[in-house]
Structures are given as C-alpha cells and as structure tokens.
Amino acid sequence: MDRSRTSSFLLLLALVMVTVAAAHRQGPGFLYTRSRKRCTSQYWSSEREEWPRMVPKYSTLSNVFGSGVMERYRANMTLLEASAIEENEQGYDVEFLGLLRESTAALVNSYARRGYPYASWEVKTLVIQALVSRKAAAYQAHQFFQANSNCG
C-alpha cells in the first residue's frame, strides 16, 4: 500500500511539474499543440473562409487603416491583395511588407476569431504606430505573426 501511495504521489508531482512548465512556456497548448493555421495571411488570402462583414476583402487599406498608410502603400490596395503580398514585391521595404501582410491577417482575425489577443482598434492603432520606421514595422509584424501563428 505504501508503494502505491509513493507512485501516486510521484505521478501527481510529475503532472504538476509539466503543468507549471507548460504555463510558463510561450504559446498555446498543454503537451501537444496542433496548429490549424486558420489565422495566417496565407489562409485568408486563399479565401477558403468567408471574410467577416466588418472587414470586406475588397476594402482599401486607406479606408481601413486611415490615410497614414498612403505614405507607405498603394492607396487603392485591397485587404485581399495585402494578405497575399509577397516579400519580393517591388517598391516596398521588406519590413513594411511584413507589417502589411501580418496586420491584415490580424485585423481579420480580430473580427473572425473569438479570443484573438488583439481587438480591431488595437490592430489599427499598432499599424499606424509601426509605420514610423523599418525597425518598428519589423517588430510589430513579428508580434502579429506570433499571434496569427498561435491562433486557433
């Protein structure tokens, strides 16, 4: 009997340790995380799912993010085009392309995914703030990329 108590205690202790380690680890999941990638820019550009009514895919960047984006991007570029933009697109710095692609996905996710870590107003505000420099754009693009990649 004493041996089974010790075994049970050790098993419980191991379970607690795994739980604490998982809670401190960045990213979702417990022991195994299956990423469905339903929040990435590639997913939204594929049009496999209908876009939320609040952000129609043919809305222009300037209508959604404001006139400040016209300094960095084509004013009549649509959200759908932005979600599909490639890193080698001519006339744009790679940091701003990443910001464009990931912020578009983040905005759509803020409306379409319950529990997404950013609200729509936060996405819009962070985009405007990130347009000041390449470093700020790269940082914010990475933050959105992390949220988009870990969303379910």
N, C-alpha and C. Protein backbone atom coordinates (compact mmCIF):
# COMPACT_ATOMS: atom_id res chain seq x y z
N MET A 1 0.81 -1.18 0.00
CA MET A 1 0.00 0.00 0.00
C MET A 1 0.87 1.27 0.00
N ASP A 2 1.94 1.22 0.77
CA ASP A 2 2.81 2.37 0.86
C ASP A 2 3.48 2.65 -0.48
N ARG A 3 3.78 1.59 -1.20
CA ARG A 3 4.42 1.74 -2.50
C ARG A 3 3.48 2.39 -3.52
N SER A 4 2.19 2.05 -3.49
CA SER A 4 1.24 2.65 -4.42
C SER A 4 1.00 4.12 -4.09
N ARG A 5 1.07 4.48 -2.83
CA ARG A 5 0.95 5.89 -2.45
C ARG A 5 2.13 6.69 -2.97
N THR A 6 3.30 6.12 -2.85
CA THR A 6 4.50 6.79 -3.35
C THR A 6 4.43 6.96 -4.86
N SER A 7 4.00 5.92 -5.55
CA SER A 7 3.84 6.00 -7.00
C SER A 7 2.81 7.05 -7.39
N SER A 8 1.70 7.08 -6.69
CA SER A 8 0.66 8.07 -6.97
C SER A 8 1.17 9.48 -6.71
N PHE A 9 1.91 9.65 -5.64
CA PHE A 9 2.47 10.96 -5.31
C PHE A 9 3.45 11.41 -6.38
N LEU A 10 4.32 10.51 -6.81
CA LEU A 10 5.29 10.86 -7.85
C LEU A 10 4.60 11.20 -9.18
N LEU A 11 3.57 10.45 -9.50
CA LEU A 11 2.81 10.74 -10.71
C LEU A 11 2.15 12.11 -10.63
N LEU A 12 1.55 12.41 -9.48
CA LEU A 12 0.91 13.71 -9.28
C LEU A 12 1.94 14.83 -9.34
N LEU A 13 3.10 14.62 -8.74
CA LEU A 13 4.16 15.61 -8.75
C LEU A 13 4.65 15.87 -10.18
N ALA A 14 4.81 14.81 -10.96
CA ALA A 14 5.23 14.96 -12.35
C ALA A 14 4.19 15.73 -13.16
N LEU A 15 2.92 15.44 -12.92
CA LEU A 15 1.85 16.15 -13.61
C LEU A 15 1.84 17.63 -13.27
N VAL A 16 2.06 17.96 -12.01
CA VAL A 16 2.12 19.36 -11.59
C VAL A 16 3.31 20.06 -12.25
N MET A 17 4.43 19.39 -12.31
CA MET A 17 5.62 19.99 -12.92
C MET A 17 5.41 20.25 -14.41
N VAL A 18 4.80 19.32 -15.09
CA VAL A 18 4.52 19.50 -16.52
C VAL A 18 3.55 20.66 -16.72
N THR A 19 2.54 20.75 -15.88
CA THR A 19 1.56 21.83 -15.97
C THR A 19 2.21 23.18 -15.75
N VAL A 20 3.06 23.29 -14.74
CA VAL A 20 3.75 24.55 -14.45
C VAL A 20 4.68 24.91 -15.61
N ALA A 21 5.39 23.95 -16.14
CA ALA A 21 6.29 24.21 -17.27
C ALA A 21 5.50 24.67 -18.50
N ALA A 22 4.36 24.06 -18.74
CA ALA A 22 3.53 24.45 -19.89
C ALA A 22 2.97 25.84 -19.70
N ALA A 23 2.64 26.22 -18.49
CA ALA A 23 2.09 27.55 -18.23
C ALA A 23 3.14 28.63 -18.44
N HIS A 24 4.40 28.33 -18.22
CA HIS A 24 5.46 29.31 -18.39
C HIS A 24 6.01 29.36 -19.80
N ARG A 25 5.71 28.35 -20.59
CA ARG A 25 6.16 28.29 -21.97
C ARG A 25 5.30 29.23 -22.81
N GLN A 26 5.94 29.93 -23.74
CA GLN A 26 5.17 30.79 -24.63
C GLN A 26 4.47 29.95 -25.67
N GLY A 27 3.26 30.30 -25.98
CA GLY A 27 2.49 29.58 -26.98
C GLY A 27 1.39 28.77 -26.32
N PRO A 28 0.43 28.38 -27.10
CA PRO A 28 -0.70 27.66 -26.57
C PRO A 28 -0.40 26.19 -26.38
N GLY A 29 -1.28 25.51 -25.71
CA GLY A 29 -1.19 24.06 -25.65
C GLY A 29 -0.75 23.55 -24.32
N PHE A 30 -0.91 22.27 -24.14
CA PHE A 30 -0.50 21.61 -22.91
C PHE A 30 0.70 20.74 -23.22
N LEU A 31 0.49 19.55 -23.65
CA LEU A 31 1.59 18.68 -24.02
C LEU A 31 1.82 18.67 -25.52
N TYR A 32 0.77 18.80 -26.27
CA TYR A 32 0.85 18.73 -27.72
C TYR A 32 -0.08 19.79 -28.28
N THR A 33 0.43 20.58 -29.18
CA THR A 33 -0.38 21.63 -29.79
C THR A 33 -0.50 21.37 -31.28
N ARG A 34 -1.70 21.28 -31.76
CA ARG A 34 -1.92 21.13 -33.20
C ARG A 34 -2.32 22.48 -33.75
N SER A 35 -1.50 23.03 -34.58
CA SER A 35 -1.79 24.33 -35.16
C SER A 35 -2.56 24.15 -36.45
N ARG A 36 -3.71 24.75 -36.50
CA ARG A 36 -4.54 24.61 -37.70
C ARG A 36 -4.25 25.68 -38.72
N LYS A 37 -3.48 26.67 -38.35
CA LYS A 37 -3.06 27.75 -39.25
C LYS A 37 -4.24 28.43 -39.94
N ARG A 38 -5.35 28.56 -39.22
CA ARG A 38 -6.53 29.19 -39.79
C ARG A 38 -6.53 30.70 -39.55
N CYS A 39 -5.41 31.23 -39.15
CA CYS A 39 -5.35 32.66 -38.87
C CYS A 39 -4.24 33.37 -39.64
N THR A 40 -3.53 32.66 -40.46
CA THR A 40 -2.39 33.25 -41.16
C THR A 40 -2.84 34.07 -42.38
N SER A 41 -1.95 34.88 -42.85
CA SER A 41 -2.26 35.67 -44.05
C SER A 41 -2.48 34.76 -45.25
N GLN A 42 -1.74 33.66 -45.32
CA GLN A 42 -1.91 32.71 -46.42
C GLN A 42 -3.31 32.11 -46.39
N TYR A 43 -3.79 31.82 -45.20
CA TYR A 43 -5.13 31.25 -45.08
C TYR A 43 -6.18 32.24 -45.57
N TRP A 44 -6.10 33.49 -45.12
CA TRP A 44 -7.10 34.49 -45.52
C TRP A 44 -6.99 34.83 -47.00
N SER A 45 -5.78 34.84 -47.55
CA SER A 45 -5.65 35.15 -48.98
C SER A 45 -6.17 34.02 -49.87
N SER A 46 -6.26 32.81 -49.32
CA SER A 46 -6.77 31.68 -50.10
C SER A 46 -8.29 31.72 -50.25
N GLU A 47 -8.95 32.53 -49.46
CA GLU A 47 -10.41 32.70 -49.49
C GLU A 47 -11.16 31.40 -49.20
N ARG A 48 -10.55 30.52 -48.40
CA ARG A 48 -11.23 29.27 -48.02
C ARG A 48 -12.38 29.52 -47.06
N GLU A 49 -12.35 30.65 -46.40
CA GLU A 49 -13.40 31.02 -45.46
C GLU A 49 -13.87 32.42 -45.81
N GLU A 50 -15.13 32.65 -45.59
CA GLU A 50 -15.68 33.98 -45.87
C GLU A 50 -15.10 34.99 -44.88
N TRP A 51 -14.76 36.16 -45.38
CA TRP A 51 -14.22 37.21 -44.53
C TRP A 51 -15.36 37.82 -43.71
N PRO A 52 -15.06 38.34 -42.53
CA PRO A 52 -16.10 38.98 -41.71
C PRO A 52 -16.68 40.20 -42.42
N ARG A 53 -17.93 40.45 -42.18
CA ARG A 53 -18.60 41.60 -42.83
C ARG A 53 -17.99 42.94 -42.43
N MET A 54 -17.41 42.99 -41.25
CA MET A 54 -16.82 44.25 -40.77
C MET A 54 -15.56 44.64 -41.55
N VAL A 55 -14.92 43.67 -42.18
CA VAL A 55 -13.73 43.94 -42.98
C VAL A 55 -13.83 43.23 -44.33
N PRO A 56 -14.60 43.79 -45.24
CA PRO A 56 -14.71 43.15 -46.57
C PRO A 56 -13.35 43.06 -47.24
N LYS A 57 -13.11 41.96 -47.91
CA LYS A 57 -11.80 41.73 -48.51
C LYS A 57 -11.43 42.73 -49.59
N TYR A 58 -12.41 43.43 -50.15
CA TYR A 58 -12.12 44.42 -51.18
C TYR A 58 -12.06 45.85 -50.63
N SER A 59 -12.06 46.00 -49.31
CA SER A 59 -11.85 47.32 -48.70
C SER A 59 -10.41 47.75 -48.98
N THR A 60 -10.20 49.03 -49.14
CA THR A 60 -8.85 49.52 -49.39
C THR A 60 -8.13 49.76 -48.08
N LEU A 61 -6.81 49.73 -48.14
CA LEU A 61 -6.01 49.97 -46.95
C LEU A 61 -6.29 51.33 -46.35
N SER A 62 -6.42 52.34 -47.19
CA SER A 62 -6.66 53.69 -46.67
C SER A 62 -8.02 53.81 -45.99
N ASN A 63 -9.02 53.07 -46.47
CA ASN A 63 -10.32 53.09 -45.81
C ASN A 63 -10.28 52.39 -44.46
N VAL A 64 -9.48 51.37 -44.35
CA VAL A 64 -9.44 50.57 -43.11
C VAL A 64 -8.45 51.15 -42.10
N PHE A 65 -7.24 51.45 -42.54
CA PHE A 65 -6.19 51.90 -41.62
C PHE A 65 -6.01 53.41 -41.58
N GLY A 66 -6.68 54.13 -42.45
CA GLY A 66 -6.56 55.59 -42.46
C GLY A 66 -5.59 56.08 -43.51
N SER A 67 -5.58 57.38 -43.69
CA SER A 67 -4.78 57.98 -44.76
C SER A 67 -3.28 57.87 -44.52
N GLY A 68 -2.86 57.60 -43.30
CA GLY A 68 -1.43 57.48 -42.99
C GLY A 68 -0.74 56.36 -43.75
N VAL A 69 -1.48 55.35 -44.14
CA VAL A 69 -0.86 54.23 -44.86
C VAL A 69 -0.51 54.59 -46.29
N MET A 70 -1.07 55.68 -46.81
CA MET A 70 -0.81 56.06 -48.20
C MET A 70 0.65 56.48 -48.40
N GLU A 71 1.36 56.82 -47.32
CA GLU A 71 2.78 57.16 -47.44
C GLU A 71 3.62 55.93 -47.74
N ARG A 72 3.16 54.76 -47.29
CA ARG A 72 3.96 53.53 -47.42
C ARG A 72 3.41 52.55 -48.46
N TYR A 73 2.10 52.60 -48.70
CA TYR A 73 1.47 51.60 -49.56
C TYR A 73 0.60 52.28 -50.61
N ARG A 74 0.28 51.52 -51.63
CA ARG A 74 -0.63 51.98 -52.67
C ARG A 74 -2.01 52.23 -52.04
N ALA A 75 -2.57 53.39 -52.24
CA ALA A 75 -3.82 53.78 -51.57
C ALA A 75 -4.99 52.88 -51.94
N ASN A 76 -5.02 52.36 -53.16
CA ASN A 76 -6.16 51.56 -53.58
C ASN A 76 -5.92 50.05 -53.42
N MET A 77 -4.84 49.68 -52.72
CA MET A 77 -4.59 48.26 -52.47
C MET A 77 -5.66 47.71 -51.54
N THR A 78 -6.20 46.54 -51.87
CA THR A 78 -7.27 45.95 -51.06
C THR A 78 -6.67 45.08 -49.95
N LEU A 79 -7.49 44.76 -48.98
CA LEU A 79 -7.06 43.87 -47.91
C LEU A 79 -6.70 42.48 -48.45
N LEU A 80 -7.46 42.02 -49.41
CA LEU A 80 -7.16 40.72 -50.01
C LEU A 80 -5.78 40.73 -50.68
N GLU A 81 -5.49 41.79 -51.42
CA GLU A 81 -4.16 41.92 -52.04
C GLU A 81 -3.07 41.99 -50.97
N ALA A 82 -3.36 42.73 -49.90
CA ALA A 82 -2.37 42.88 -48.83
C ALA A 82 -2.09 41.56 -48.14
N SER A 83 -3.10 40.72 -47.98
CA SER A 83 -2.89 39.44 -47.31
C SER A 83 -2.08 38.47 -48.17
N ALA A 84 -2.04 38.70 -49.47
CA ALA A 84 -1.34 37.81 -50.39
C ALA A 84 0.00 38.37 -50.87
N ILE A 85 0.38 39.53 -50.40
CA ILE A 85 1.58 40.19 -50.92
C ILE A 85 2.83 39.38 -50.58
N GLU A 86 3.75 39.35 -51.51
CA GLU A 86 5.00 38.58 -51.35
C GLU A 86 6.11 39.51 -50.85
N GLU A 87 7.11 38.92 -50.21
CA GLU A 87 8.21 39.71 -49.66
C GLU A 87 9.10 40.34 -50.73
N ASN A 88 9.00 39.90 -51.96
CA ASN A 88 9.83 40.46 -53.02
C ASN A 88 9.07 41.47 -53.88
N GLU A 89 7.95 41.95 -53.39
CA GLU A 89 7.15 42.94 -54.12
C GLU A 89 7.99 44.20 -54.36
N GLN A 90 8.04 44.65 -55.59
CA GLN A 90 8.86 45.80 -55.96
C GLN A 90 8.32 47.10 -55.34
N GLY A 91 9.24 47.95 -54.91
CA GLY A 91 8.88 49.28 -54.43
C GLY A 91 8.58 49.37 -52.95
N TYR A 92 8.71 48.27 -52.21
CA TYR A 92 8.42 48.27 -50.78
C TYR A 92 9.59 47.65 -50.01
N ASP A 93 9.85 48.18 -48.82
CA ASP A 93 10.83 47.56 -47.94
C ASP A 93 10.22 46.30 -47.35
N VAL A 94 11.06 45.30 -47.14
CA VAL A 94 10.58 44.00 -46.66
C VAL A 94 9.89 44.13 -45.30
N GLU A 95 10.35 45.04 -44.45
CA GLU A 95 9.74 45.22 -43.13
C GLU A 95 8.29 45.71 -43.26
N PHE A 96 8.07 46.63 -44.17
CA PHE A 96 6.72 47.17 -44.35
C PHE A 96 5.80 46.17 -45.06
N LEU A 97 6.39 45.32 -45.88
CA LEU A 97 5.58 44.26 -46.50
C LEU A 97 5.11 43.26 -45.45
N GLY A 98 6.01 42.92 -44.54
CA GLY A 98 5.64 42.01 -43.46
C GLY A 98 4.56 42.60 -42.57
N LEU A 99 4.70 43.88 -42.26
CA LEU A 99 3.69 44.56 -41.46
C LEU A 99 2.35 44.56 -42.18
N LEU A 100 2.37 44.83 -43.45
CA LEU A 100 1.14 44.87 -44.24
C LEU A 100 0.44 43.52 -44.24
N ARG A 101 1.18 42.48 -44.53
CA ARG A 101 0.61 41.13 -44.62
C ARG A 101 0.08 40.65 -43.26
N GLU A 102 0.90 40.79 -42.22
CA GLU A 102 0.52 40.27 -40.90
C GLU A 102 -0.56 41.12 -40.23
N SER A 103 -0.54 42.42 -40.45
CA SER A 103 -1.57 43.27 -39.84
C SER A 103 -2.93 43.05 -40.50
N THR A 104 -2.92 42.76 -41.78
CA THR A 104 -4.18 42.44 -42.46
C THR A 104 -4.79 41.18 -41.87
N ALA A 105 -3.97 40.15 -41.71
CA ALA A 105 -4.46 38.91 -41.09
C ALA A 105 -4.91 39.17 -39.65
N ALA A 106 -4.15 39.98 -38.93
CA ALA A 106 -4.50 40.29 -37.54
C ALA A 106 -5.85 41.01 -37.46
N LEU A 107 -6.09 41.93 -38.37
CA LEU A 107 -7.35 42.65 -38.37
C LEU A 107 -8.52 41.72 -38.65
N VAL A 108 -8.37 40.87 -39.65
CA VAL A 108 -9.43 39.91 -39.97
C VAL A 108 -9.66 38.97 -38.78
N ASN A 109 -8.58 38.50 -38.17
CA ASN A 109 -8.70 37.61 -37.02
C ASN A 109 -9.37 38.28 -35.84
N SER A 110 -9.14 39.57 -35.68
CA SER A 110 -9.75 40.29 -34.54
C SER A 110 -11.27 40.28 -34.64
N TYR A 111 -11.79 40.18 -35.84
CA TYR A 111 -13.24 40.09 -36.04
C TYR A 111 -13.73 38.63 -36.12
N ALA A 112 -12.90 37.76 -36.68
CA ALA A 112 -13.35 36.41 -37.00
C ALA A 112 -13.05 35.36 -35.94
N ARG A 113 -12.08 35.60 -35.07
CA ARG A 113 -11.64 34.58 -34.12
C ARG A 113 -11.88 35.01 -32.68
N ARG A 114 -12.76 34.30 -32.02
CA ARG A 114 -13.01 34.56 -30.60
C ARG A 114 -11.74 34.28 -29.82
N GLY A 115 -11.39 35.18 -28.93
CA GLY A 115 -10.20 35.00 -28.11
C GLY A 115 -8.91 35.47 -28.75
N TYR A 116 -8.99 36.06 -29.93
CA TYR A 116 -7.77 36.58 -30.57
C TYR A 116 -7.20 37.68 -29.67
N PRO A 117 -5.88 37.72 -29.49
CA PRO A 117 -5.31 38.63 -28.48
C PRO A 117 -5.39 40.13 -28.78
N TYR A 118 -5.75 40.51 -29.99
CA TYR A 118 -5.87 41.93 -30.33
C TYR A 118 -7.30 42.26 -30.73
N ALA A 119 -7.78 43.41 -30.27
CA ALA A 119 -9.06 43.94 -30.75
C ALA A 119 -8.78 44.70 -32.05
N SER A 120 -9.81 44.92 -32.83
CA SER A 120 -9.62 45.59 -34.13
C SER A 120 -9.01 46.98 -33.96
N TRP A 121 -9.47 47.72 -32.97
CA TRP A 121 -8.92 49.07 -32.77
C TRP A 121 -7.44 49.01 -32.39
N GLU A 122 -7.03 47.96 -31.67
CA GLU A 122 -5.62 47.81 -31.31
C GLU A 122 -4.77 47.55 -32.56
N VAL A 123 -5.26 46.69 -33.42
CA VAL A 123 -4.53 46.38 -34.66
C VAL A 123 -4.33 47.66 -35.46
N LYS A 124 -5.39 48.42 -35.64
CA LYS A 124 -5.30 49.66 -36.42
C LYS A 124 -4.34 50.66 -35.79
N THR A 125 -4.42 50.81 -34.49
CA THR A 125 -3.53 51.73 -33.78
C THR A 125 -2.08 51.30 -33.88
N LEU A 126 -1.82 50.01 -33.67
CA LEU A 126 -0.46 49.50 -33.73
C LEU A 126 0.13 49.61 -35.13
N VAL A 127 -0.69 49.47 -36.15
CA VAL A 127 -0.20 49.63 -37.53
C VAL A 127 0.25 51.07 -37.75
N ILE A 128 -0.57 52.01 -37.37
CA ILE A 128 -0.22 53.43 -37.56
C ILE A 128 1.07 53.76 -36.80
N GLN A 129 1.20 53.24 -35.58
CA GLN A 129 2.41 53.49 -34.79
C GLN A 129 3.63 52.84 -35.42
N ALA A 130 3.46 51.69 -36.04
CA ALA A 130 4.59 50.96 -36.61
C ALA A 130 5.08 51.54 -37.94
N LEU A 131 4.32 52.42 -38.54
CA LEU A 131 4.71 52.98 -39.84
C LEU A 131 5.84 54.00 -39.74
N VAL A 132 6.28 54.33 -38.53
CA VAL A 132 7.29 55.38 -38.36
C VAL A 132 8.69 54.95 -38.77
N SER A 133 8.99 53.65 -38.69
CA SER A 133 10.33 53.20 -39.04
C SER A 133 10.33 51.74 -39.46
N ARG A 134 11.42 51.36 -40.11
CA ARG A 134 11.55 49.96 -40.52
C ARG A 134 11.65 49.05 -39.29
N LYS A 135 12.36 49.52 -38.28
CA LYS A 135 12.52 48.73 -37.06
C LYS A 135 11.17 48.52 -36.36
N ALA A 136 10.39 49.58 -36.26
CA ALA A 136 9.07 49.47 -35.63
C ALA A 136 8.15 48.58 -36.45
N ALA A 137 8.24 48.68 -37.77
CA ALA A 137 7.42 47.84 -38.65
C ALA A 137 7.79 46.37 -38.50
N ALA A 138 9.08 46.08 -38.46
CA ALA A 138 9.53 44.69 -38.32
C ALA A 138 9.11 44.12 -36.97
N TYR A 139 9.24 44.91 -35.91
CA TYR A 139 8.84 44.44 -34.58
C TYR A 139 7.35 44.13 -34.54
N GLN A 140 6.53 45.05 -35.02
CA GLN A 140 5.09 44.84 -34.96
C GLN A 140 4.64 43.72 -35.89
N ALA A 141 5.27 43.60 -37.02
CA ALA A 141 4.96 42.48 -37.93
C ALA A 141 5.23 41.16 -37.23
N HIS A 142 6.33 41.09 -36.50
CA HIS A 142 6.66 39.86 -35.77
C HIS A 142 5.63 39.57 -34.68
N GLN A 143 5.19 40.60 -33.98
CA GLN A 143 4.17 40.42 -32.93
C GLN A 143 2.87 39.89 -33.53
N PHE A 144 2.45 40.48 -34.63
CA PHE A 144 1.24 39.99 -35.30
C PHE A 144 1.44 38.58 -35.84
N PHE A 145 2.63 38.31 -36.38
CA PHE A 145 2.92 36.97 -36.90
C PHE A 145 2.77 35.92 -35.79
N GLN A 146 3.30 36.23 -34.61
CA GLN A 146 3.19 35.30 -33.47
C GLN A 146 1.72 35.06 -33.11
N ALA A 147 0.95 36.13 -33.04
CA ALA A 147 -0.48 35.99 -32.70
C ALA A 147 -1.22 35.21 -33.78
N ASN A 148 -0.91 35.49 -35.03
CA ASN A 148 -1.59 34.80 -36.15
C ASN A 148 -1.20 33.32 -36.20
N SER A 149 0.04 33.02 -35.89
CA SER A 149 0.51 31.64 -35.95
C SER A 149 -0.01 30.79 -34.80
N ASN A 150 -0.27 31.40 -33.67
CA ASN A 150 -0.71 30.66 -32.49
C ASN A 150 -2.21 30.69 -32.27
N CYS A 151 -2.92 31.28 -33.18
CA CYS A 151 -4.37 31.39 -33.07
C CYS A 151 -5.01 30.12 -33.60
N GLY A 152 -6.16 29.76 -33.07
CA GLY A 152 -6.77 28.51 -33.49
C GLY A 152 -7.99 28.69 -34.27
